Amino acid sequence: MNPVRRQLHPEERALLDFLLSTDFPGRDELKKQTENITVVGECKCGCGTIKLQVDPNCVAAKLEKSIPIEAYGEALDVLLFAAAGFLGMLEIVFYADPPEKPYPRPEHLRLWPRPHASTH
């Protein structure tokens, strides 16, 4: 990761908002964290993956998985990582070489909430 310190670009914000548009455990807290979020790293390969930092005073989400939500499209996946209840990384994985562009558009993706832990 290349270290940076910047606000989200519009296409990054659109992907993050899209991923957080469906219901899953901890989603509301993660959405609140996006109100004060900073990009602190960018993948060196140019795939569009970014490392995120949120205000440490935010409420931590109670998450069952470190990847609570992901989306997929034609030859790509978008994964949202969280650590200790805080947003950590937006990863874009391309399965085509070279990738057509670094940021897929939300309307070309389908959401996949991670299966929840069984309560039985």
Protein backbone atom coordinates (compact mmCIF):
# COMPACT_ATOMS: atom_id res chain seq x y z
CA MET A 1 0.00 0.00 0.00
CA ASN A 2 1.14 3.49 -0.82
CA PRO A 3 0.50 5.78 2.14
CA VAL A 4 -1.84 8.69 1.44
CA ARG A 5 -4.14 10.90 3.47
CA ARG A 6 -7.19 12.08 1.57
CA GLN A 7 -10.96 12.06 1.41
CA LEU A 8 -12.86 9.44 -0.59
CA HIS A 9 -13.12 10.01 -4.33
CA PRO A 10 -16.74 10.08 -5.61
CA GLU A 11 -16.50 6.59 -7.14
CA GLU A 12 -15.12 5.20 -3.88
CA ARG A 13 -17.96 6.85 -1.93
CA ALA A 14 -20.50 5.38 -4.39
CA LEU A 15 -19.13 1.85 -3.86
CA LEU A 16 -19.07 2.24 -0.08
CA ASP A 17 -22.63 3.62 -0.02
CA PHE A 18 -23.77 0.75 -2.27
CA LEU A 19 -22.19 -1.90 -0.05
CA LEU A 20 -23.84 -0.37 3.01
CA SER A 21 -27.26 -0.10 1.34
CA THR A 22 -28.39 -3.58 2.39
CA ASP A 23 -29.17 -4.77 5.89
CA PHE A 24 -26.69 -6.90 7.84
CA PRO A 25 -25.54 -6.99 11.49
CA GLY A 26 -23.45 -3.87 12.25
CA ARG A 27 -24.40 -2.03 9.07
CA ASP A 28 -25.82 1.04 10.83
CA GLU A 29 -22.64 1.59 12.84
CA LEU A 30 -20.49 1.15 9.72
CA LYS A 31 -22.66 3.69 7.86
CA LYS A 32 -22.17 6.17 10.68
CA GLN A 33 -18.40 5.61 10.50
CA THR A 34 -18.39 6.75 6.85
CA GLU A 35 -19.35 10.27 7.94
CA ASN A 36 -15.76 10.86 9.08
CA ILE A 37 -13.56 8.53 7.05
CA THR A 38 -10.13 9.04 5.54
CA VAL A 39 -8.27 7.08 2.88
CA VAL A 40 -4.83 6.27 4.33
CA GLY A 41 -3.51 3.82 1.73
CA GLU A 42 -3.84 2.94 -1.94
CA CYS A 43 -2.83 -0.35 -3.51
CA LYS A 44 0.36 -0.04 -5.53
CA CYS A 45 -0.94 -2.19 -8.40
CA GLY A 46 -3.64 0.30 -9.40
CA CYS A 47 -6.59 -2.04 -8.71
CA GLY A 48 -8.39 0.63 -6.69
CA THR A 49 -8.14 -1.07 -3.29
CA ILE A 50 -7.96 1.48 -0.49
CA LYS A 51 -7.17 1.34 3.23
CA LEU A 52 -9.61 3.28 5.40
CA GLN A 53 -9.36 5.02 8.76
CA VAL A 54 -12.36 6.15 10.79
CA ASP A 55 -12.66 8.46 13.75
CA PRO A 56 -11.68 6.35 16.79
CA ASN A 57 -14.55 7.96 18.73
CA CYS A 58 -17.09 6.23 16.49
CA VAL A 59 -19.11 3.35 17.87
CA ALA A 60 -17.67 -0.02 16.87
CA ALA A 61 -20.00 -2.29 14.92
CA LYS A 62 -20.83 -5.71 16.31
CA LEU A 63 -19.84 -7.81 13.32
CA GLU A 64 -19.89 -11.57 12.88
CA LYS A 65 -17.36 -11.56 10.02
CA SER A 66 -14.32 -9.48 9.06
CA ILE A 67 -15.91 -9.18 5.59
CA PRO A 68 -19.53 -8.37 6.45
CA ILE A 69 -20.59 -7.52 2.89
CA GLU A 70 -19.31 -7.90 -0.63
CA ALA A 71 -20.48 -7.38 -4.17
CA TYR A 72 -19.64 -9.08 -7.40
CA GLY A 73 -19.81 -8.25 -11.06
CA GLU A 74 -18.46 -9.57 -14.31
CA ALA A 75 -14.91 -10.77 -13.55
CA LEU A 76 -14.61 -8.79 -10.31
CA ASP A 77 -15.39 -8.73 -6.60
CA VAL A 78 -15.65 -5.78 -4.21
CA LEU A 79 -15.10 -6.62 -0.53
CA LEU A 80 -15.53 -4.42 2.52
CA PHE A 81 -13.23 -5.36 5.39
CA ALA A 82 -13.66 -4.35 9.02
CA ALA A 83 -11.40 -5.00 12.02
CA ALA A 84 -12.54 -4.75 15.64
CA GLY A 85 -15.82 -3.24 14.42
CA PHE A 86 -14.25 -0.46 12.34
CA LEU A 87 -14.06 -0.04 8.57
CA GLY A 88 -10.60 -1.01 7.40
CA MET A 89 -10.37 -1.62 3.67
CA LEU A 90 -12.34 -1.51 0.44
CA GLU A 91 -10.82 -4.18 -1.79
CA ILE A 92 -11.40 -4.54 -5.50
CA VAL A 93 -10.38 -7.86 -7.04
CA PHE A 94 -10.28 -8.11 -10.82
CA TYR A 95 -10.20 -11.50 -12.51
CA ALA A 96 -9.56 -10.05 -15.97
CA ASP A 97 -6.14 -8.89 -17.05
CA PRO A 98 -5.85 -6.03 -17.54
CA PRO A 99 -8.83 -4.66 -15.60
CA GLU A 100 -11.08 -2.44 -17.68
CA LYS A 101 -11.11 0.32 -15.07
CA PRO A 102 -10.30 0.54 -11.36
CA TYR A 103 -13.77 1.40 -10.07
CA PRO A 104 -16.80 -0.63 -11.02
CA ARG A 105 -20.11 1.17 -11.04
CA PRO A 106 -22.63 0.05 -8.41
CA GLU A 107 -25.33 -0.56 -11.01
CA HIS A 108 -23.08 -3.26 -12.52
CA LEU A 109 -22.74 -5.12 -9.20
CA ARG A 110 -24.82 -7.48 -7.10
CA LEU A 111 -24.64 -7.43 -3.32
CA TRP A 112 -23.81 -10.53 -1.32
CA PRO A 113 -24.22 -10.19 2.45
CA ARG A 114 -22.09 -12.78 4.21
CA PRO A 115 -24.12 -15.59 5.77
CA HIS A 116 -24.93 -14.87 9.41
CA ALA A 117 -23.86 -17.15 12.23
CA SER A 118 -26.54 -19.57 13.29
CA THR A 119 -28.25 -18.82 16.60
CA HIS A 120 -29.21 -22.48 17.17
